[in-house]
C-alpha cells in the first residue's frame, strides 16, 4: 500500500464532502425556516424520525441530537413500522422521513398511514421532487444534488454527510429558539464528561449542619472546637440577622495565636476577615476553582441570587477536585 496514494484518496473523499456541504449551505432557504417553526409548534404530539439504510442511521442520529438539545424525539425503524410499530405514530405528531431518492419501499407504508391521518404532519428530507415522499409531505427540504465520493458515484457518502449536517442545523436552531442553556444540557447528560464540566457550585457545596457557622460575638475558644469538629479548615462568621460578615481559616488561627496571648477570649468579630469572597450557587464549579486559585484560598461562601450576604453553603477546593474538575 502506497502511503501517498492512501492520503490522496482520503483528501479527495473529504473534498467531495466539503463541496457537498457548501452546496447544502447555499440551499438553506425558507423551507428550512418553516421546518424549524413546525417543530417548535409541536406541543401535544411527538417528533419522530425515520429512514432506510444509511439514511436510517442518520435519522437515528437526528433523534439523538434533537432529544439531547431539548426537542423530545425518537427514531422509528421503518421496517418494524409495517409490523406493528406504526402505532407509535399518533395524532398531532410530526414525522420526519429522510430518503435521498424519496422512493424507498419501506417508507411507503408510513407515508400512506400518515396521509390517512390529517392531524399528523410529514416533513420530507429528499433530493427528488418527483418522489412519493415529496408529493405527500406537508413540508419538504430538497437536498442539493451531490456527487458521492468514491468510484462510480454509488456509495452514500457526500449525501449522508449533508443529511447529518442538516439535522444538526435544525436541532441547534430549535435549541436556540427554546433558549436551551448549558444547565439544561447538563440535565440530559448526567453521566457524561461534559456534565462534569457543567457541574455548578450548588451541586457540590456543603450545606445544613455540616456548615461551620458561628455568631460574631462568640469567643475564639468555642470557635476552635467548631473548626476542629467540622474539619473544613474554615469558619463562617455571621451577624444576629443571619448575614455573613466574616470568615476565619486555619491559617488565620495561627496568625491570631502569635499576635494575641489571650486569643481564646477574643470575640470572632475582633479577629475575623471581613467581607469573605462569595459565589452564586448557579456558577460553574470550575469558575469557583479558578477564583480560589487566583486568590490563593481553599473555600468560598455560597449565596443564592442577589443575596450575597446570606450564606447558604460552602464550596471547598477538595469538593471540586474530587469531582475531577480542574
C-alpha atoms as a PDB file:
ATOM      1  CA  UNK A   1       0.000   0.000   0.000  1.00  0.00           C
ATOM      2  CA  UNK A   2       1.423   3.351  -1.042  1.00  0.00           C
ATOM      3  CA  UNK A   3       1.253   5.998   1.676  1.00  0.00           C
ATOM      4  CA  UNK A   4       0.907   8.890  -0.747  1.00  0.00           C
ATOM      5  CA  UNK A   5      -1.926   7.197  -2.621  1.00  0.00           C
ATOM      6  CA  UNK A   6      -3.972   6.460   0.503  1.00  0.00           C
ATOM      7  CA  UNK A   7      -3.559  10.025   1.724  1.00  0.00           C
ATOM      8  CA  UNK A   8      -4.634  11.304  -1.677  1.00  0.00           C
ATOM      9  CA  UNK A   9      -7.779   9.188  -1.546  1.00  0.00           C
ATOM     10  CA  UNK A  10      -8.602  10.482   1.932  1.00  0.00           C
ATOM     11  CA  UNK A  11      -8.197  14.107   0.845  1.00  0.00           C
ATOM     12  CA  UNK A  12     -10.334  13.525  -2.258  1.00  0.00           C
ATOM     13  CA  UNK A  13     -13.159  11.999  -0.207  1.00  0.00           C
ATOM     14  CA  UNK A  14     -13.070  14.862   2.289  1.00  0.00           C
ATOM     15  CA  UNK A  15     -13.031  17.421  -0.528  1.00  0.00           C
ATOM     16  CA  UNK A  16     -16.098  15.787  -2.108  1.00  0.00           C
ATOM     17  CA  UNK A  17     -17.906  16.150   1.199  1.00  0.00           C
ATOM     18  CA  UNK A  18     -16.708  19.738   1.707  1.00  0.00           C
ATOM     19  CA  UNK A  19     -18.101  20.611  -1.729  1.00  0.00           C
ATOM     20  CA  UNK A  20     -21.388  18.937  -0.828  1.00  0.00           C
ATOM     21  CA  UNK A  21     -21.631  20.914   2.412  1.00  0.00           C
ATOM     22  CA  UNK A  22     -21.018  24.153   0.532  1.00  0.00           C
ATOM     23  CA  UNK A  23     -23.910  23.287  -1.784  1.00  0.00           C
ATOM     24  CA  UNK A  24     -26.077  22.494   1.233  1.00  0.00           C
ATOM     25  CA  UNK A  25     -25.219  25.824   2.843  1.00  0.00           C
ATOM     26  CA  UNK A  26     -26.292  27.641  -0.317  1.00  0.00           C
ATOM     27  CA  UNK A  27     -29.535  25.643  -0.375  1.00  0.00           C
ATOM     28  CA  UNK A  28     -30.770  26.818   3.031  1.00  0.00           C
ATOM     29  CA  UNK A  29     -33.957  28.770   2.295  1.00  0.00           C
ATOM     30  CA  UNK A  30     -37.433  29.482   3.646  1.00  0.00           C
ATOM     31  CA  UNK A  31     -38.274  25.765   3.735  1.00  0.00           C
ATOM     32  CA  UNK A  32     -35.673  25.351   6.480  1.00  0.00           C
ATOM     33  CA  UNK A  33     -37.320  28.137   8.494  1.00  0.00           C
ATOM     34  CA  UNK A  34     -40.766  26.568   8.038  1.00  0.00           C
ATOM     35  CA  UNK A  35     -39.494  23.190   9.265  1.00  0.00           C
ATOM     36  CA  UNK A  36     -37.979  24.732  12.396  1.00  0.00           C
ATOM     37  CA  UNK A  37     -41.217  26.642  13.095  1.00  0.00           C
ATOM     38  CA  UNK A  38     -43.306  23.491  12.668  1.00  0.00           C
ATOM     39  CA  UNK A  39     -41.100  21.512  15.051  1.00  0.00           C
ATOM     40  CA  UNK A  40     -41.202  24.307  17.623  1.00  0.00           C
ATOM     41  CA  UNK A  41     -45.002  24.422  17.356  1.00  0.00           C
ATOM     42  CA  UNK A  42     -45.345  20.739  18.287  1.00  0.00           C
ATOM     43  CA  UNK A  43     -46.980  20.822  21.722  1.00  0.00           C
ATOM     44  CA  UNK A  44     -49.334  17.884  22.145  1.00  0.00           C
ATOM     45  CA  UNK A  45     -47.505  15.413  19.953  1.00  0.00           C
ATOM     46  CA  UNK A  46     -44.088  13.858  19.332  1.00  0.00           C
ATOM     47  CA  UNK A  47     -41.264  14.350  16.872  1.00  0.00           C
ATOM     48  CA  UNK A  48     -40.427  11.098  15.086  1.00  0.00           C
ATOM     49  CA  UNK A  49     -37.622  10.448  12.603  1.00  0.00           C
ATOM     50  CA  UNK A  50     -37.248   7.523  10.228  1.00  0.00           C
ATOM     51  CA  UNK A  51     -35.296   6.387   7.202  1.00  0.00           C
ATOM     52  CA  UNK A  52     -33.914   3.324   5.477  1.00  0.00           C
ATOM     53  CA  UNK A  53     -30.334   2.103   5.203  1.00  0.00           C
ATOM     54  CA  UNK A  54     -27.716   4.817   5.659  1.00  0.00           C
ATOM     55  CA  UNK A  55     -30.485   7.432   5.824  1.00  0.00           C
ATOM     56  CA  UNK A  56     -31.989   5.424   8.671  1.00  0.00           C
ATOM     57  CA  UNK A  57     -28.724   5.662  10.580  1.00  0.00           C
ATOM     58  CA  UNK A  58     -28.740   9.419  10.022  1.00  0.00           C
ATOM     59  CA  UNK A  59     -32.368   9.595  11.168  1.00  0.00           C
ATOM     60  CA  UNK A  60     -31.413   7.853  14.396  1.00  0.00           C
ATOM     61  CA  UNK A  61     -28.653  10.434  14.888  1.00  0.00           C
ATOM     62  CA  UNK A  62     -31.171  13.238  14.290  1.00  0.00           C
ATOM     63  CA  UNK A  63     -33.401  11.835  17.029  1.00  0.00           C
ATOM     64  CA  UNK A  64     -30.491  11.579  19.461  1.00  0.00           C
ATOM     65  CA  UNK A  65     -29.309  15.129  18.759  1.00  0.00           C
ATOM     66  CA  UNK A  66     -32.822  16.573  18.987  1.00  0.00           C
ATOM     67  CA  UNK A  67     -33.507  14.832  22.300  1.00  0.00           C
ATOM     68  CA  UNK A  68     -30.224  15.933  23.859  1.00  0.00           C
ATOM     69  CA  UNK A  69     -30.842  19.569  22.950  1.00  0.00           C
ATOM     70  CA  UNK A  70     -34.348  19.994  24.313  1.00  0.00           C
ATOM     71  CA  UNK A  71     -36.543  18.708  21.463  1.00  0.00           C
ATOM     72  CA  UNK A  72     -38.064  15.384  22.500  1.00  0.00           C
ATOM     73  CA  UNK A  73     -37.710  12.949  19.610  1.00  0.00           C
ATOM     74  CA  UNK A  74     -37.403   9.235  18.884  1.00  0.00           C
ATOM     75  CA  UNK A  75     -36.393   7.071  15.941  1.00  0.00           C
ATOM     76  CA  UNK A  76     -38.890   4.714  14.280  1.00  0.00           C
ATOM     77  CA  UNK A  77     -37.465   1.721  12.449  1.00  0.00           C
ATOM     78  CA  UNK A  78     -39.102   1.799   9.015  1.00  0.00           C
ATOM     79  CA  UNK A  79     -39.133  -1.987   8.609  1.00  0.00           C
ATOM     80  CA  UNK A  80     -40.713  -2.597  12.022  1.00  0.00           C
ATOM     81  CA  UNK A  81     -43.277   0.129  11.382  1.00  0.00           C
ATOM     82  CA  UNK A  82     -45.049  -2.187   8.943  1.00  0.00           C
ATOM     83  CA  UNK A  83     -45.200  -4.897  11.601  1.00  0.00           C
ATOM     84  CA  UNK A  84     -46.955  -3.125  14.443  1.00  0.00           C
ATOM     85  CA  UNK A  85     -44.701  -0.202  15.329  1.00  0.00           C
ATOM     86  CA  UNK A  86     -46.806   2.152  13.191  1.00  0.00           C
ATOM     87  CA  UNK A  87     -48.944   2.531  16.309  1.00  0.00           C
ATOM     88  CA  UNK A  88     -46.197   4.705  17.775  1.00  0.00           C
ATOM     89  CA  UNK A  89     -47.310   7.461  15.392  1.00  0.00           C
ATOM     90  CA  UNK A  90     -50.365   9.189  16.848  1.00  0.00           C
ATOM     91  CA  UNK A  91     -52.410  12.353  16.429  1.00  0.00           C
ATOM     92  CA  UNK A  92     -50.524  15.688  16.496  1.00  0.00           C
ATOM     93  CA  UNK A  93     -47.171  14.015  15.832  1.00  0.00           C
ATOM     94  CA  UNK A  94     -44.609  15.310  13.348  1.00  0.00           C
ATOM     95  CA  UNK A  95     -42.821  12.642  11.331  1.00  0.00           C
ATOM     96  CA  UNK A  96     -39.544  13.413   9.557  1.00  0.00           C
ATOM     97  CA  UNK A  97     -38.683  10.932   6.808  1.00  0.00           C
ATOM     98  CA  UNK A  98     -35.181  11.022   5.352  1.00  0.00           C
ATOM     99  CA  UNK A  99     -34.610   9.444   1.950  1.00  0.00           C
ATOM    100  CA  UNK A 100     -32.284  10.608  -0.805  1.00  0.00           C
ATOM    101  CA  UNK A 101     -34.499   9.092  -3.530  1.00  0.00           C
ATOM    102  CA  UNK A 102     -37.793   9.518  -1.675  1.00  0.00           C
ATOM    103  CA  UNK A 103     -38.915   6.195  -3.151  1.00  0.00           C
ATOM    104  CA  UNK A 104     -37.756   3.607  -0.591  1.00  0.00           C
ATOM    105  CA  UNK A 105     -40.310   0.800  -0.402  1.00  0.00           C
ATOM    106  CA  UNK A 106     -40.099   0.580   3.401  1.00  0.00           C
ATOM    107  CA  UNK A 107     -41.245   4.201   3.721  1.00  0.00           C
ATOM    108  CA  UNK A 108     -44.352   3.846   1.552  1.00  0.00           C
ATOM    109  CA  UNK A 109     -46.459   2.265   4.305  1.00  0.00           C
ATOM    110  CA  UNK A 110     -45.523   5.059   6.706  1.00  0.00           C
ATOM    111  CA  UNK A 111     -46.375   7.696   4.087  1.00  0.00           C
ATOM    112  CA  UNK A 112     -49.761   6.069   3.402  1.00  0.00           C
ATOM    113  CA  UNK A 113     -50.525   5.792   7.117  1.00  0.00           C
ATOM    114  CA  UNK A 114     -49.762   9.484   7.642  1.00  0.00           C
ATOM    115  CA  UNK A 115     -51.766  10.564   4.584  1.00  0.00           C
ATOM    116  CA  UNK A 116     -54.870   8.981   6.139  1.00  0.00           C
ATOM    117  CA  UNK A 117     -54.402  10.973   9.365  1.00  0.00           C
ATOM    118  CA  UNK A 118     -54.814  14.726   8.844  1.00  0.00           C
ATOM    119  CA  UNK A 119     -53.564  15.547  12.348  1.00  0.00           C
ATOM    120  CA  UNK A 120     -50.115  14.087  11.613  1.00  0.00           C
ATOM    121  CA  UNK A 121     -47.595  16.261   9.779  1.00  0.00           C
ATOM    122  CA  UNK A 122     -44.982  14.837   7.426  1.00  0.00           C
ATOM    123  CA  UNK A 123     -41.639  16.521   6.776  1.00  0.00           C
ATOM    124  CA  UNK A 124     -39.691  15.157   3.823  1.00  0.00           C
ATOM    125  CA  UNK A 125     -35.914  15.328   3.534  1.00  0.00           C
ATOM    126  CA  UNK A 126     -35.182  14.220  -0.020  1.00  0.00           C
ATOM    127  CA  UNK A 127     -33.450  15.223  -3.223  1.00  0.00           C
ATOM    128  CA  UNK A 128     -36.280  14.232  -5.592  1.00  0.00           C
ATOM    129  CA  UNK A 129     -39.303  16.449  -6.191  1.00  0.00           C
ATOM    130  CA  UNK A 130     -40.967  13.737  -8.277  1.00  0.00           C
ATOM    131  CA  UNK A 131     -40.837  11.198  -5.432  1.00  0.00           C
ATOM    132  CA  UNK A 132     -43.799   9.811  -3.473  1.00  0.00           C
ATOM    133  CA  UNK A 133     -42.238  11.211  -0.296  1.00  0.00           C
ATOM    134  CA  UNK A 134     -42.071  14.774  -1.594  1.00  0.00           C
ATOM    135  CA  UNK A 135     -45.545  14.703  -3.145  1.00  0.00           C
ATOM    136  CA  UNK A 136     -47.195  13.546   0.085  1.00  0.00           C
ATOM    137  CA  UNK A 137     -45.310  15.789   2.502  1.00  0.00           C
ATOM    138  CA  UNK A 138     -46.632  18.836   4.334  1.00  0.00           C
ATOM    139  CA  UNK A 139     -43.180  20.406   4.278  1.00  0.00           C
ATOM    140  CA  UNK A 140     -40.061  19.370   2.427  1.00  0.00           C
ATOM    141  CA  UNK A 141     -36.415  20.269   2.250  1.00  0.00           C
ATOM    142  CA  UNK A 142     -34.856  19.457  -1.093  1.00  0.00           C
ATOM    143  CA  UNK A 143     -31.301  18.286  -0.620  1.00  0.00           C
ATOM    144  CA  UNK A 144     -28.950  19.629  -3.302  1.00  0.00           C
ATOM    145  CA  UNK A 145     -27.744  17.250  -5.956  1.00  0.00           C
ATOM    146  CA  UNK A 146     -24.340  15.976  -4.930  1.00  0.00           C
ATOM    147  CA  UNK A 147     -21.702  13.626  -6.248  1.00  0.00           C
ATOM    148  CA  UNK A 148     -20.799  10.804  -3.896  1.00  0.00           C
ATOM    149  CA  UNK A 149     -17.166  10.256  -3.028  1.00  0.00           C
ATOM    150  CA  UNK A 150     -15.504   7.151  -4.388  1.00  0.00           C
ATOM    151  CA  UNK A 151     -15.704   5.235  -7.674  1.00  0.00           C
ATOM    152  CA  UNK A 152     -18.915   5.072  -9.715  1.00  0.00           C
ATOM    153  CA  UNK A 153     -20.788   7.594  -7.512  1.00  0.00           C
ATOM    154  CA  UNK A 154     -22.597   4.741  -5.729  1.00  0.00           C
ATOM    155  CA  UNK A 155     -21.526   4.812  -2.059  1.00  0.00           C
ATOM    156  CA  UNK A 156     -23.665   7.099   0.168  1.00  0.00           C
ATOM    157  CA  UNK A 157     -21.017   9.499   1.453  1.00  0.00           C
ATOM    158  CA  UNK A 158     -21.483  13.126   0.467  1.00  0.00           C
ATOM    159  CA  UNK A 159     -25.266  12.781   0.586  1.00  0.00           C
ATOM    160  CA  UNK A 160     -25.302  11.331   4.112  1.00  0.00           C
ATOM    161  CA  UNK A 161     -22.800  13.966   5.285  1.00  0.00           C
ATOM    162  CA  UNK A 162     -25.288  16.578   4.098  1.00  0.00           C
ATOM    163  CA  UNK A 163     -28.167  14.815   5.839  1.00  0.00           C
ATOM    164  CA  UNK A 164     -26.205  14.726   9.066  1.00  0.00           C
ATOM    165  CA  UNK A 165     -25.304  18.412   8.852  1.00  0.00           C
ATOM    166  CA  UNK A 166     -28.897  19.425   8.072  1.00  0.00           C
ATOM    167  CA  UNK A 167     -30.135  17.572  11.151  1.00  0.00           C
ATOM    168  CA  UNK A 168     -27.570  19.327  13.314  1.00  0.00           C
ATOM    169  CA  UNK A 169     -28.602  22.693  11.856  1.00  0.00           C
ATOM    170  CA  UNK A 170     -32.289  22.099  12.600  1.00  0.00           C
ATOM    171  CA  UNK A 171     -31.582  20.816  16.119  1.00  0.00           C
ATOM    172  CA  UNK A 172     -29.357  23.778  17.002  1.00  0.00           C
ATOM    173  CA  UNK A 173     -31.861  26.259  15.557  1.00  0.00           C
ATOM    174  CA  UNK A 174     -34.618  24.738  17.716  1.00  0.00           C
ATOM    175  CA  UNK A 175     -32.284  24.709  20.704  1.00  0.00           C
ATOM    176  CA  UNK A 176     -31.506  28.403  20.398  1.00  0.00           C
ATOM    177  CA  UNK A 177     -35.120  29.469  19.898  1.00  0.00           C
ATOM    178  CA  UNK A 178     -36.015  27.486  23.036  1.00  0.00           C
ATOM    179  CA  UNK A 179     -33.256  29.282  24.971  1.00  0.00           C
ATOM    180  CA  UNK A 180     -31.817  25.875  25.859  1.00  0.00           C
ATOM    181  CA  UNK A 181     -28.805  26.540  28.105  1.00  0.00           C
ATOM    182  CA  UNK A 182     -25.743  24.609  29.252  1.00  0.00           C
ATOM    183  CA  UNK A 183     -27.547  23.895  32.529  1.00  0.00           C
ATOM    184  CA  UNK A 184     -30.448  22.346  30.593  1.00  0.00           C
ATOM    185  CA  UNK A 185     -27.919  20.343  28.595  1.00  0.00           C
ATOM    186  CA  UNK A 186     -26.414  19.024  31.834  1.00  0.00           C
ATOM    187  CA  UNK A 187     -29.801  17.611  32.910  1.00  0.00           C
ATOM    188  CA  UNK A 188     -29.874  15.384  29.822  1.00  0.00           C
ATOM    189  CA  UNK A 189     -26.222  14.300  30.216  1.00  0.00           C
ATOM    190  CA  UNK A 190     -25.794  13.453  33.922  1.00  0.00           C
ATOM    191  CA  UNK A 191     -23.033  10.891  33.355  1.00  0.00           C
ATOM    192  CA  UNK A 192     -21.072  12.470  30.543  1.00  0.00           C
ATOM    193  CA  UNK A 193     -17.674  14.129  30.694  1.00  0.00           C
ATOM    194  CA  UNK A 194     -19.284  17.374  29.618  1.00  0.00           C
ATOM    195  CA  UNK A 195     -21.727  17.129  32.515  1.00  0.00           C
ATOM    196  CA  UNK A 196     -18.787  17.045  34.926  1.00  0.00           C
ATOM    197  CA  UNK A 197     -17.531  20.306  33.433  1.00  0.00           C
ATOM    198  CA  UNK A 198     -21.021  21.774  33.807  1.00  0.00           C
ATOM    199  CA  UNK A 199     -21.415  20.946  37.489  1.00  0.00           C
ATOM    200  CA  UNK A 200     -22.425  24.005  39.450  1.00  0.00           C
ATOM    201  CA  UNK A 201     -21.348  25.240  42.855  1.00  0.00           C
ATOM    202  CA  UNK A 202     -24.797  24.236  44.103  1.00  0.00           C
ATOM    203  CA  UNK A 203     -24.177  20.638  43.017  1.00  0.00           C
ATOM    204  CA  UNK A 204     -21.063  20.338  45.197  1.00  0.00           C
ATOM    205  CA  UNK A 205     -21.473  22.774  48.081  1.00  0.00           C
ATOM    206  CA  UNK A 206     -21.640  21.799  51.764  1.00  0.00           C
ATOM    207  CA  UNK A 207     -24.923  22.728  53.457  1.00  0.00           C
ATOM    208  CA  UNK A 208     -27.008  22.305  56.590  1.00  0.00           C
ATOM    209  CA  UNK A 209     -25.466  21.018  59.804  1.00  0.00           C
ATOM    210  CA  UNK A 210     -22.134  20.476  58.083  1.00  0.00           C
ATOM    211  CA  UNK A 211     -21.644  24.228  57.724  1.00  0.00           C
ATOM    212  CA  UNK A 212     -19.215  25.727  60.276  1.00  0.00           C
ATOM    213  CA  UNK A 213     -21.189  28.860  61.239  1.00  0.00           C
ATOM    214  CA  UNK A 214     -20.947  30.952  64.431  1.00  0.00           C
ATOM    215  CA  UNK A 215     -22.210  34.325  65.588  1.00  0.00           C
ATOM    216  CA  UNK A 216     -19.729  37.199  65.538  1.00  0.00           C
ATOM    217  CA  UNK A 217     -19.967  37.625  69.340  1.00  0.00           C
ATOM    218  CA  UNK A 218     -18.858  34.065  70.122  1.00  0.00           C
ATOM    219  CA  UNK A 219     -15.423  33.685  71.740  1.00  0.00           C
ATOM    220  CA  UNK A 220     -12.476  32.087  69.973  1.00  0.00           C
ATOM    221  CA  UNK A 221     -12.374  29.196  72.439  1.00  0.00           C
ATOM    222  CA  UNK A 222     -15.669  27.860  71.092  1.00  0.00           C
ATOM    223  CA  UNK A 223     -14.613  28.638  67.554  1.00  0.00           C
ATOM    224  CA  UNK A 224     -11.597  26.368  67.929  1.00  0.00           C
ATOM    225  CA  UNK A 225     -13.865  23.467  68.864  1.00  0.00           C
ATOM    226  CA  UNK A 226     -16.186  24.081  65.896  1.00  0.00           C
ATOM    227  CA  UNK A 227     -13.358  24.340  63.380  1.00  0.00           C
ATOM    228  CA  UNK A 228     -11.873  21.115  64.750  1.00  0.00           C
ATOM    229  CA  UNK A 229     -15.246  19.329  64.694  1.00  0.00           C
ATOM    230  CA  UNK A 230     -16.324  20.374  61.182  1.00  0.00           C
ATOM    231  CA  UNK A 231     -12.884  19.564  59.690  1.00  0.00           C
ATOM    232  CA  UNK A 232     -13.146  22.068  56.857  1.00  0.00           C
ATOM    233  CA  UNK A 233     -10.369  24.390  57.973  1.00  0.00           C
ATOM    234  CA  UNK A 234     -12.684  27.379  57.892  1.00  0.00           C
ATOM    235  CA  UNK A 235     -15.322  29.125  60.000  1.00  0.00           C
ATOM    236  CA  UNK A 236     -18.129  31.358  58.682  1.00  0.00           C
ATOM    237  CA  UNK A 237     -18.986  34.286  60.947  1.00  0.00           C
ATOM    238  CA  UNK A 238     -22.453  35.840  60.828  1.00  0.00           C
ATOM    239  CA  UNK A 239     -24.384  38.667  62.429  1.00  0.00           C
ATOM    240  CA  UNK A 240     -27.510  38.303  64.562  1.00  0.00           C
ATOM    241  CA  UNK A 241     -29.686  38.821  61.460  1.00  0.00           C
ATOM    242  CA  UNK A 242     -28.027  35.846  59.752  1.00  0.00           C
ATOM    243  CA  UNK A 243     -25.953  37.828  57.280  1.00  0.00           C
ATOM    244  CA  UNK A 244     -22.371  36.724  56.777  1.00  0.00           C
ATOM    245  CA  UNK A 245     -19.852  39.285  57.967  1.00  0.00           C
ATOM    246  CA  UNK A 246     -16.552  37.429  58.088  1.00  0.00           C
ATOM    247  CA  UNK A 247     -14.512  34.270  57.838  1.00  0.00           C
ATOM    248  CA  UNK A 248     -11.688  32.622  59.781  1.00  0.00           C
ATOM    249  CA  UNK A 249      -9.363  29.968  58.379  1.00  0.00           C
ATOM    250  CA  UNK A 250      -6.814  27.600  59.895  1.00  0.00           C
ATOM    251  CA  UNK A 251      -4.097  29.935  58.669  1.00  0.00           C
ATOM    252  CA  UNK A 252      -5.775  32.870  60.389  1.00  0.00           C
ATOM    253  CA  UNK A 253      -5.840  30.953  63.682  1.00  0.00           C
ATOM    254  CA  UNK A 254      -2.081  30.521  63.618  1.00  0.00           C
ATOM    255  CA  UNK A 255      -1.514  34.206  62.981  1.00  0.00           C
ATOM    256  CA  UNK A 256      -4.029  35.194  65.692  1.00  0.00           C
ATOM    257  CA  UNK A 257      -2.368  32.894  68.237  1.00  0.00           C
ATOM    258  CA  UNK A 258       1.002  34.503  67.541  1.00  0.00           C
ATOM    259  CA  UNK A 259      -0.399  38.019  67.816  1.00  0.00           C
ATOM    260  CA  UNK A 260      -2.611  37.646  70.918  1.00  0.00           C
ATOM    261  CA  UNK A 261      -1.567  35.754  74.054  1.00  0.00           C
ATOM    262  CA  UNK A 262      -5.168  35.568  75.295  1.00  0.00           C
ATOM    263  CA  UNK A 263      -6.765  34.969  71.891  1.00  0.00           C
ATOM    264  CA  UNK A 264      -9.214  32.297  73.180  1.00  0.00           C
ATOM    265  CA  UNK A 265     -11.148  35.035  74.982  1.00  0.00           C
ATOM    266  CA  UNK A 266     -11.477  37.259  71.917  1.00  0.00           C
ATOM    267  CA  UNK A 267     -14.785  37.654  70.079  1.00  0.00           C
ATOM    268  CA  UNK A 268     -14.793  36.482  66.493  1.00  0.00           C
ATOM    269  CA  UNK A 269     -15.644  39.932  65.148  1.00  0.00           C
ATOM    270  CA  UNK A 270     -12.347  41.220  66.552  1.00  0.00           C
ATOM    271  CA  UNK A 271     -10.167  38.815  64.565  1.00  0.00           C
ATOM    272  CA  UNK A 272     -12.177  37.659  61.535  1.00  0.00           C
ATOM    273  CA  UNK A 273     -11.502  38.632  57.933  1.00  0.00           C
ATOM    274  CA  UNK A 274     -14.335  40.885  56.816  1.00  0.00           C
ATOM    275  CA  UNK A 275     -16.265  40.586  53.540  1.00  0.00           C
ATOM    276  CA  UNK A 276     -15.361  36.990  52.602  1.00  0.00           C
ATOM    277  CA  UNK A 277     -15.339  36.021  48.932  1.00  0.00           C
ATOM    278  CA  UNK A 278     -18.737  34.629  47.908  1.00  0.00           C
ATOM    279  CA  UNK A 279     -20.082  32.955  44.782  1.00  0.00           C
ATOM    280  CA  UNK A 280     -23.543  32.283  43.360  1.00  0.00           C
ATOM    281  CA  UNK A 281     -24.826  28.718  43.674  1.00  0.00           C
ATOM    282  CA  UNK A 282     -25.546  28.645  39.916  1.00  0.00           C
ATOM    283  CA  UNK A 283     -21.956  29.448  38.958  1.00  0.00           C
ATOM    284  CA  UNK A 284     -19.881  26.655  37.437  1.00  0.00           C
ATOM    285  CA  UNK A 285     -17.720  24.771  39.914  1.00  0.00           C
ATOM    286  CA  UNK A 286     -14.825  25.321  37.509  1.00  0.00           C
ATOM    287  CA  UNK A 287     -15.302  29.084  37.958  1.00  0.00           C
ATOM    288  CA  UNK A 288     -15.176  28.642  41.737  1.00  0.00           C
ATOM    289  CA  UNK A 289     -11.902  26.737  41.416  1.00  0.00           C
ATOM    290  CA  UNK A 290     -10.467  29.493  39.238  1.00  0.00           C
ATOM    291  CA  UNK A 291     -11.356  32.113  41.852  1.00  0.00           C
ATOM    292  CA  UNK A 292      -9.775  30.043  44.619  1.00  0.00           C
ATOM    293  CA  UNK A 293      -6.585  29.610  42.636  1.00  0.00           C
ATOM    294  CA  UNK A 294      -6.322  33.298  41.777  1.00  0.00           C
ATOM    295  CA  UNK A 295      -6.950  34.422  45.362  1.00  0.00           C
ATOM    296  CA  UNK A 296      -4.935  31.570  46.888  1.00  0.00           C
ATOM    297  CA  UNK A 297      -7.803  30.399  49.134  1.00  0.00           C
ATOM    298  CA  UNK A 298      -9.384  26.967  49.577  1.00  0.00           C
ATOM    299  CA  UNK A 299     -13.090  27.736  50.032  1.00  0.00           C
ATOM    300  CA  UNK A 300     -15.834  30.174  49.112  1.00  0.00           C
ATOM    301  CA  UNK A 301     -19.103  31.150  50.771  1.00  0.00           C
ATOM    302  CA  UNK A 302     -22.098  30.406  48.564  1.00  0.00           C
ATOM    303  CA  UNK A 303     -25.129  32.662  48.112  1.00  0.00           C
ATOM    304  CA  UNK A 304     -28.368  32.469  46.130  1.00  0.00           C
ATOM    305  CA  UNK A 305     -29.408  35.077  43.614  1.00  0.00           C
ATOM    306  CA  UNK A 306     -28.564  38.627  44.673  1.00  0.00           C
ATOM    307  CA  UNK A 307     -28.484  37.854  48.394  1.00  0.00           C
ATOM    308  CA  UNK A 308     -24.704  37.959  48.626  1.00  0.00           C
ATOM    309  CA  UNK A 309     -24.676  38.447  52.406  1.00  0.00           C
ATOM    310  CA  UNK A 310     -26.743  35.327  53.096  1.00  0.00           C
ATOM    311  CA  UNK A 311     -24.555  32.217  53.048  1.00  0.00           C
ATOM    312  CA  UNK A 312     -26.446  29.043  52.084  1.00  0.00           C
ATOM    313  CA  UNK A 313     -23.420  26.806  51.628  1.00  0.00           C
ATOM    314  CA  UNK A 314     -19.671  26.443  51.416  1.00  0.00           C
ATOM    315  CA  UNK A 315     -17.717  25.199  48.417  1.00  0.00           C
ATOM    316  CA  UNK A 316     -14.297  23.746  49.238  1.00  0.00           C
ATOM    317  CA  UNK A 317     -11.499  23.095  46.779  1.00  0.00           C
ATOM    318  CA  UNK A 318     -11.458  19.424  47.788  1.00  0.00           C
ATOM    319  CA  UNK A 319     -15.139  19.035  46.781  1.00  0.00           C
ATOM    320  CA  UNK A 320     -14.312  20.317  43.315  1.00  0.00           C
ATOM    321  CA  UNK A 321     -11.152  18.287  42.799  1.00  0.00           C
ATOM    322  CA  UNK A 322     -12.899  15.083  43.928  1.00  0.00           C
ATOM    323  CA  UNK A 323     -15.368  15.645  41.081  1.00  0.00           C
ATOM    324  CA  UNK A 324     -12.466  15.621  38.582  1.00  0.00           C
ATOM    325  CA  UNK A 325     -12.952  19.285  37.745  1.00  0.00           C
ATOM    326  CA  UNK A 326      -9.745  21.149  37.018  1.00  0.00           C
END
